[in-house]
Amino acid sequence: MHERVDRLDMWIAIRGMINQKKIFLWIQETVDREMREANRVGFFCCRVRRITCVQWAVAGDGSVVKVVQ
């Protein structure tokens, strides 16, 4: 199951990932794999300033989360 989070929580999660020096490519691959398994459409935008374009991302604990649009 995917956890629903609001944009503020998503921003904190992404900022936390940057602080942890996570690699965006690894995040993209993880999200793509998760979406293929779920057979659902989504995307990850690595331009964190355009937070509204983020639908899927990986939380600090490695779980995939979906942003509530």
PDB file of N, CA and C in Angstrom:
ATOM      1  N   MET A   1       0.842  -1.208   0.000  1.00  0.00           N
ATOM      2  CA  MET A   1       0.000   0.000   0.000  1.00  0.00           C
ATOM      3  C   MET A   1       0.872   1.251   0.000  1.00  0.00           C
ATOM      4  N   HIS A   2       0.377   2.275  -0.674  1.00  0.00           N
ATOM      5  CA  HIS A   2       1.112   3.535  -0.720  1.00  0.00           C
ATOM      6  C   HIS A   2       0.592   4.472   0.357  1.00  0.00           C
ATOM      7  N   GLU A   3       1.507   5.168   0.972  1.00  0.00           N
ATOM      8  CA  GLU A   3       1.116   6.110   2.015  1.00  0.00           C
ATOM      9  C   GLU A   3       0.791   7.459   1.386  1.00  0.00           C
ATOM     10  N   ARG A   4      -0.318   8.014   1.792  1.00  0.00           N
ATOM     11  CA  ARG A   4      -0.687   9.326   1.273  1.00  0.00           C
ATOM     12  C   ARG A   4      -0.063  10.399   2.171  1.00  0.00           C
ATOM     13  N   VAL A   5       0.553  11.387   1.551  1.00  0.00           N
ATOM     14  CA  VAL A   5       1.182  12.459   2.317  1.00  0.00           C
ATOM     15  C   VAL A   5       0.814  13.797   1.699  1.00  0.00           C
ATOM     16  N   ASP A   6       0.840  14.836   2.501  1.00  0.00           N
ATOM     17  CA  ASP A   6       0.565  16.153   1.943  1.00  0.00           C
ATOM     18  C   ASP A   6       1.868  16.755   1.412  1.00  0.00           C
ATOM     19  N   ARG A   7       1.756  17.906   0.783  1.00  0.00           N
ATOM     20  CA  ARG A   7       2.931  18.482   0.115  1.00  0.00           C
ATOM     21  C   ARG A   7       4.009  18.906   1.107  1.00  0.00           C
ATOM     22  N   LEU A   8       3.618  19.360   2.263  1.00  0.00           N
ATOM     23  CA  LEU A   8       4.611  19.760   3.249  1.00  0.00           C
ATOM     24  C   LEU A   8       5.427  18.547   3.698  1.00  0.00           C
ATOM     25  N   ASP A   9       4.733  17.442   3.996  1.00  0.00           N
ATOM     26  CA  ASP A   9       5.432  16.224   4.383  1.00  0.00           C
ATOM     27  C   ASP A   9       6.323  15.736   3.250  1.00  0.00           C
ATOM     28  N   MET A  10       5.830  15.852   2.010  1.00  0.00           N
ATOM     29  CA  MET A  10       6.620  15.410   0.861  1.00  0.00           C
ATOM     30  C   MET A  10       7.878  16.251   0.745  1.00  0.00           C
ATOM     31  N   TRP A  11       7.738  17.569   0.923  1.00  0.00           N
ATOM     32  CA  TRP A  11       8.885  18.460   0.847  1.00  0.00           C
ATOM     33  C   TRP A  11       9.908  18.091   1.910  1.00  0.00           C
ATOM     34  N   ILE A  12       9.436  17.823   3.131  1.00  0.00           N
ATOM     35  CA  ILE A  12      10.348  17.435   4.212  1.00  0.00           C
ATOM     36  C   ILE A  12      11.052  16.135   3.861  1.00  0.00           C
ATOM     37  N   ALA A  13      10.296  15.182   3.275  1.00  0.00           N
ATOM     38  CA  ALA A  13      10.889  13.900   2.906  1.00  0.00           C
ATOM     39  C   ALA A  13      11.959  14.086   1.836  1.00  0.00           C
ATOM     40  N   ILE A  14      11.662  14.917   0.823  1.00  0.00           N
ATOM     41  CA  ILE A  14      12.638  15.143  -0.239  1.00  0.00           C
ATOM     42  C   ILE A  14      13.849  15.891   0.300  1.00  0.00           C
ATOM     43  N   ARG A  15      13.614  16.882   1.138  1.00  0.00           N
ATOM     44  CA  ARG A  15      14.733  17.627   1.710  1.00  0.00           C
ATOM     45  C   ARG A  15      15.595  16.689   2.553  1.00  0.00           C
ATOM     46  N   GLY A  16      14.931  15.784   3.274  1.00  0.00           N
ATOM     47  CA  GLY A  16      15.671  14.817   4.074  1.00  0.00           C
ATOM     48  C   GLY A  16      16.531  13.910   3.210  1.00  0.00           C
ATOM     49  N   MET A  17      16.005  13.519   2.042  1.00  0.00           N
ATOM     50  CA  MET A  17      16.766  12.670   1.149  1.00  0.00           C
ATOM     51  C   MET A  17      17.985  13.400   0.615  1.00  0.00           C
ATOM     52  N   ILE A  18      17.816  14.701   0.332  1.00  0.00           N
ATOM     53  CA  ILE A  18      18.953  15.489  -0.146  1.00  0.00           C
ATOM     54  C   ILE A  18      20.017  15.559   0.954  1.00  0.00           C
ATOM     55  N   ASN A  19      19.578  15.765   2.194  1.00  0.00           N
ATOM     56  CA  ASN A  19      20.521  15.821   3.300  1.00  0.00           C
ATOM     57  C   ASN A  19      21.246  14.493   3.479  1.00  0.00           C
ATOM     58  N   GLN A  20      20.554  13.395   3.170  1.00  0.00           N
ATOM     59  CA  GLN A  20      21.163  12.070   3.284  1.00  0.00           C
ATOM     60  C   GLN A  20      21.979  11.720   2.041  1.00  0.00           C
ATOM     61  N   LYS A  21      22.032  12.660   1.073  1.00  0.00           N
ATOM     62  CA  LYS A  21      22.806  12.477  -0.149  1.00  0.00           C
ATOM     63  C   LYS A  21      22.351  11.251  -0.941  1.00  0.00           C
ATOM     64  N   LYS A  22      21.043  11.060  -0.987  1.00  0.00           N
ATOM     65  CA  LYS A  22      20.499   9.989  -1.818  1.00  0.00           C
ATOM     66  C   LYS A  22      20.679  10.389  -3.281  1.00  0.00           C
ATOM     67  N   ILE A  23      20.805   9.409  -4.142  1.00  0.00           N
ATOM     68  CA  ILE A  23      20.986   9.683  -5.564  1.00  0.00           C
ATOM     69  C   ILE A  23      19.623   9.682  -6.237  1.00  0.00           C
ATOM     70  N   PHE A  24      19.303  10.768  -6.944  1.00  0.00           N
ATOM     71  CA  PHE A  24      17.997  10.882  -7.576  1.00  0.00           C
ATOM     72  C   PHE A  24      17.746   9.770  -8.585  1.00  0.00           C
ATOM     73  N   LEU A  25      18.799   9.345  -9.277  1.00  0.00           N
ATOM     74  CA  LEU A  25      18.635   8.277 -10.259  1.00  0.00           C
ATOM     75  C   LEU A  25      18.171   6.998  -9.569  1.00  0.00           C
ATOM     76  N   TRP A  26      18.734   6.719  -8.395  1.00  0.00           N
ATOM     77  CA  TRP A  26      18.320   5.534  -7.641  1.00  0.00           C
ATOM     78  C   TRP A  26      16.866   5.665  -7.235  1.00  0.00           C
ATOM     79  N   ILE A  27      16.448   6.879  -6.853  1.00  0.00           N
ATOM     80  CA  ILE A  27      15.061   7.123  -6.482  1.00  0.00           C
ATOM     81  C   ILE A  27      14.161   6.888  -7.695  1.00  0.00           C
ATOM     82  N   GLN A  28      14.575   7.421  -8.846  1.00  0.00           N
ATOM     83  CA  GLN A  28      13.785   7.256 -10.068  1.00  0.00           C
ATOM     84  C   GLN A  28      13.624   5.775 -10.391  1.00  0.00           C
ATOM     85  N   GLU A  29      14.711   5.019 -10.311  1.00  0.00           N
ATOM     86  CA  GLU A  29      14.651   3.595 -10.622  1.00  0.00           C
ATOM     87  C   GLU A  29      13.757   2.857  -9.637  1.00  0.00           C
ATOM     88  N   THR A  30      13.849   3.207  -8.371  1.00  0.00           N
ATOM     89  CA  THR A  30      13.022   2.557  -7.351  1.00  0.00           C
ATOM     90  C   THR A  30      11.554   2.842  -7.590  1.00  0.00           C
ATOM     91  N   VAL A  31      11.239   4.106  -7.890  1.00  0.00           N
ATOM     92  CA  VAL A  31       9.853   4.477  -8.130  1.00  0.00           C
ATOM     93  C   VAL A  31       9.328   3.780  -9.382  1.00  0.00           C
ATOM     94  N   ASP A  32      10.140   3.769 -10.450  1.00  0.00           N
ATOM     95  CA  ASP A  32       9.720   3.115 -11.683  1.00  0.00           C
ATOM     96  C   ASP A  32       9.431   1.644 -11.441  1.00  0.00           C
ATOM     97  N   ARG A  33      10.276   0.982 -10.684  1.00  0.00           N
ATOM     98  CA  ARG A  33      10.094  -0.440 -10.397  1.00  0.00           C
ATOM     99  C   ARG A  33       8.790  -0.655  -9.624  1.00  0.00           C
ATOM    100  N   GLU A  34       8.566   0.208  -8.621  1.00  0.00           N
ATOM    101  CA  GLU A  34       7.353   0.097  -7.815  1.00  0.00           C
ATOM    102  C   GLU A  34       6.109   0.331  -8.675  1.00  0.00           C
ATOM    103  N   MET A  35       6.189   1.313  -9.564  1.00  0.00           N
ATOM    104  CA  MET A  35       5.029   1.612 -10.403  1.00  0.00           C
ATOM    105  C   MET A  35       4.765   0.475 -11.380  1.00  0.00           C
ATOM    106  N   ARG A  36       5.816  -0.149 -11.904  1.00  0.00           N
ATOM    107  CA  ARG A  36       5.619  -1.276 -12.808  1.00  0.00           C
ATOM    108  C   ARG A  36       4.951  -2.428 -12.071  1.00  0.00           C
ATOM    109  N   GLU A  37       5.370  -2.679 -10.844  1.00  0.00           N
ATOM    110  CA  GLU A  37       4.783  -3.756 -10.062  1.00  0.00           C
ATOM    111  C   GLU A  37       3.310  -3.470  -9.770  1.00  0.00           C
ATOM    112  N   ALA A  38       2.984  -2.194  -9.549  1.00  0.00           N
ATOM    113  CA  ALA A  38       1.610  -1.826  -9.233  1.00  0.00           C
ATOM    114  C   ALA A  38       0.791  -1.597 -10.505  1.00  0.00           C
ATOM    115  N   ASN A  39       1.480  -1.575 -11.662  1.00  0.00           N
ATOM    116  CA  ASN A  39       0.821  -1.343 -12.948  1.00  0.00           C
ATOM    117  C   ASN A  39       0.051  -0.027 -12.920  1.00  0.00           C
ATOM    118  N   ARG A  40       0.671   0.997 -12.364  1.00  0.00           N
ATOM    119  CA  ARG A  40       0.036   2.313 -12.305  1.00  0.00           C
ATOM    120  C   ARG A  40       0.967   3.353 -12.912  1.00  0.00           C
ATOM    121  N   VAL A  41       0.381   4.451 -13.344  1.00  0.00           N
ATOM    122  CA  VAL A  41       1.155   5.504 -13.995  1.00  0.00           C
ATOM    123  C   VAL A  41       1.508   6.592 -12.991  1.00  0.00           C
ATOM    124  N   GLY A  42       2.723   7.049 -13.055  1.00  0.00           N
ATOM    125  CA  GLY A  42       3.164   8.138 -12.191  1.00  0.00           C
ATOM    126  C   GLY A  42       4.511   8.632 -12.688  1.00  0.00           C
ATOM    127  N   PHE A  43       5.041   9.631 -12.047  1.00  0.00           N
ATOM    128  CA  PHE A  43       6.354  10.115 -12.444  1.00  0.00           C
ATOM    129  C   PHE A  43       7.021  10.800 -11.258  1.00  0.00           C
ATOM    130  N   PHE A  44       8.309  10.946 -11.367  1.00  0.00           N
ATOM    131  CA  PHE A  44       9.060  11.632 -10.322  1.00  0.00           C
ATOM    132  C   PHE A  44       9.831  12.772 -10.959  1.00  0.00           C
ATOM    133  N   CYS A  45       9.648  13.963 -10.440  1.00  0.00           N
ATOM    134  CA  CYS A  45      10.359  15.127 -10.956  1.00  0.00           C
ATOM    135  C   CYS A  45      11.453  15.486  -9.970  1.00  0.00           C
ATOM    136  N   CYS A  46      12.695  15.486 -10.411  1.00  0.00           N
ATOM    137  CA  CYS A  46      13.798  15.746  -9.491  1.00  0.00           C
ATOM    138  C   CYS A  46      14.020  17.239  -9.274  1.00  0.00           C
ATOM    139  N   ARG A  47      13.195  18.075  -9.893  1.00  0.00           N
ATOM    140  CA  ARG A  47      13.271  19.511  -9.607  1.00  0.00           C
ATOM    141  C   ARG A  47      12.400  19.777  -8.391  1.00  0.00           C
ATOM    142  N   VAL A  48      12.991  19.706  -7.218  1.00  0.00           N
ATOM    143  CA  VAL A  48      12.214  19.769  -5.985  1.00  0.00           C
ATOM    144  C   VAL A  48      11.497  21.104  -5.805  1.00  0.00           C
ATOM    145  N   ARG A  49      11.954  22.135  -6.478  1.00  0.00           N
ATOM    146  CA  ARG A  49      11.280  23.428  -6.336  1.00  0.00           C
ATOM    147  C   ARG A  49       9.903  23.387  -6.985  1.00  0.00           C
ATOM    148  N   ARG A  50       9.746  22.532  -7.999  1.00  0.00           N
ATOM    149  CA  ARG A  50       8.440  22.382  -8.638  1.00  0.00           C
ATOM    150  C   ARG A  50       7.731  21.201  -7.982  1.00  0.00           C
ATOM    151  N   ILE A  51       7.418  21.375  -6.709  1.00  0.00           N
ATOM    152  CA  ILE A  51       6.892  20.274  -5.896  1.00  0.00           C
ATOM    153  C   ILE A  51       5.577  19.746  -6.445  1.00  0.00           C
ATOM    154  N   THR A  52       4.818  20.580  -7.143  1.00  0.00           N
ATOM    155  CA  THR A  52       3.518  20.135  -7.639  1.00  0.00           C
ATOM    156  C   THR A  52       3.654  19.087  -8.742  1.00  0.00           C
ATOM    157  N   CYS A  53       4.832  18.966  -9.349  1.00  0.00           N
ATOM    158  CA  CYS A  53       5.001  17.987 -10.419  1.00  0.00           C
ATOM    159  C   CYS A  53       5.401  16.619  -9.870  1.00  0.00           C
ATOM    160  N   VAL A  54       5.562  16.514  -8.585  1.00  0.00           N
ATOM    161  CA  VAL A  54       5.933  15.231  -7.985  1.00  0.00           C
ATOM    162  C   VAL A  54       4.677  14.437  -7.646  1.00  0.00           C
ATOM    163  N   GLN A  55       4.548  13.266  -8.219  1.00  0.00           N
ATOM    164  CA  GLN A  55       3.428  12.391  -7.896  1.00  0.00           C
ATOM    165  C   GLN A  55       3.898  11.226  -7.023  1.00  0.00           C
ATOM    166  N   TRP A  56       5.074  10.710  -7.349  1.00  0.00           N
ATOM    167  CA  TRP A  56       5.631   9.592  -6.596  1.00  0.00           C
ATOM    168  C   TRP A  56       7.037   9.952  -6.136  1.00  0.00           C
ATOM    169  N   ALA A  57       7.382   9.528  -4.966  1.00  0.00           N
ATOM    170  CA  ALA A  57       8.743   9.730  -4.486  1.00  0.00           C
ATOM    171  C   ALA A  57       9.028   8.692  -3.415  1.00  0.00           C
ATOM    172  N   VAL A  58      10.271   8.632  -3.005  1.00  0.00           N
ATOM    173  CA  VAL A  58      10.671   7.658  -1.999  1.00  0.00           C
ATOM    174  C   VAL A  58      10.923   8.377  -0.687  1.00  0.00           C
ATOM    175  N   ALA A  59      10.269   7.929   0.350  1.00  0.00           N
ATOM    176  CA  ALA A  59      10.446   8.552   1.659  1.00  0.00           C
ATOM    177  C   ALA A  59      11.802   8.177   2.238  1.00  0.00           C
ATOM    178  N   GLY A  60      12.179   8.819   3.330  1.00  0.00           N
ATOM    179  CA  GLY A  60      13.483   8.592   3.936  1.00  0.00           C
ATOM    180  C   GLY A  60      13.708   7.148   4.339  1.00  0.00           C
ATOM    181  N   ASP A  61      12.623   6.402   4.652  1.00  0.00           N
ATOM    182  CA  ASP A  61      12.776   5.010   5.065  1.00  0.00           C
ATOM    183  C   ASP A  61      12.779   4.066   3.875  1.00  0.00           C
ATOM    184  N   GLY A  62      12.732   4.619   2.653  1.00  0.00           N
ATOM    185  CA  GLY A  62      12.793   3.791   1.463  1.00  0.00           C
ATOM    186  C   GLY A  62      11.438   3.400   0.907  1.00  0.00           C
ATOM    187  N   SER A  63      10.352   3.752   1.600  1.00  0.00           N
ATOM    188  CA  SER A  63       9.025   3.411   1.107  1.00  0.00           C
ATOM    189  C   SER A  63       8.586   4.400   0.030  1.00  0.00           C
ATOM    190  N   VAL A  64       7.793   3.920  -0.896  1.00  0.00           N
ATOM    191  CA  VAL A  64       7.298   4.786  -1.968  1.00  0.00           C
ATOM    192  C   VAL A  64       6.033   5.472  -1.497  1.00  0.00           C
ATOM    193  N   VAL A  65       5.980   6.782  -1.671  1.00  0.00           N
ATOM    194  CA  VAL A  65       4.816   7.553  -1.238  1.00  0.00           C
ATOM    195  C   VAL A  65       4.223   8.289  -2.430  1.00  0.00           C
ATOM    196  N   LYS A  66       2.943   8.567  -2.360  1.00  0.00           N
ATOM    197  CA  LYS A  66       2.259   9.304  -3.413  1.00  0.00           C
ATOM    198  C   LYS A  66       1.811  10.643  -2.865  1.00  0.00           C
ATOM    199  N   VAL A  67       2.049  11.707  -3.637  1.00  0.00           N
ATOM    200  CA  VAL A  67       1.643  13.040  -3.217  1.00  0.00           C
ATOM    201  C   VAL A  67       0.169  13.238  -3.554  1.00  0.00           C
ATOM    202  N   VAL A  68      -0.580  13.764  -2.619  1.00  0.00           N
ATOM    203  CA  VAL A  68      -1.980  14.083  -2.870  1.00  0.00           C
ATOM    204  C   VAL A  68      -2.024  15.372  -3.676  1.00  0.00           C
ATOM    205  N   GLN A  69      -2.525  15.312  -4.885  1.00  0.00           N
ATOM    206  CA  GLN A  69      -2.555  16.484  -5.769  1.00  0.00           C
ATOM    207  C   GLN A  69      -3.688  17.414  -5.385  1.00  0.00           C
TER     208      GLN A  69
END
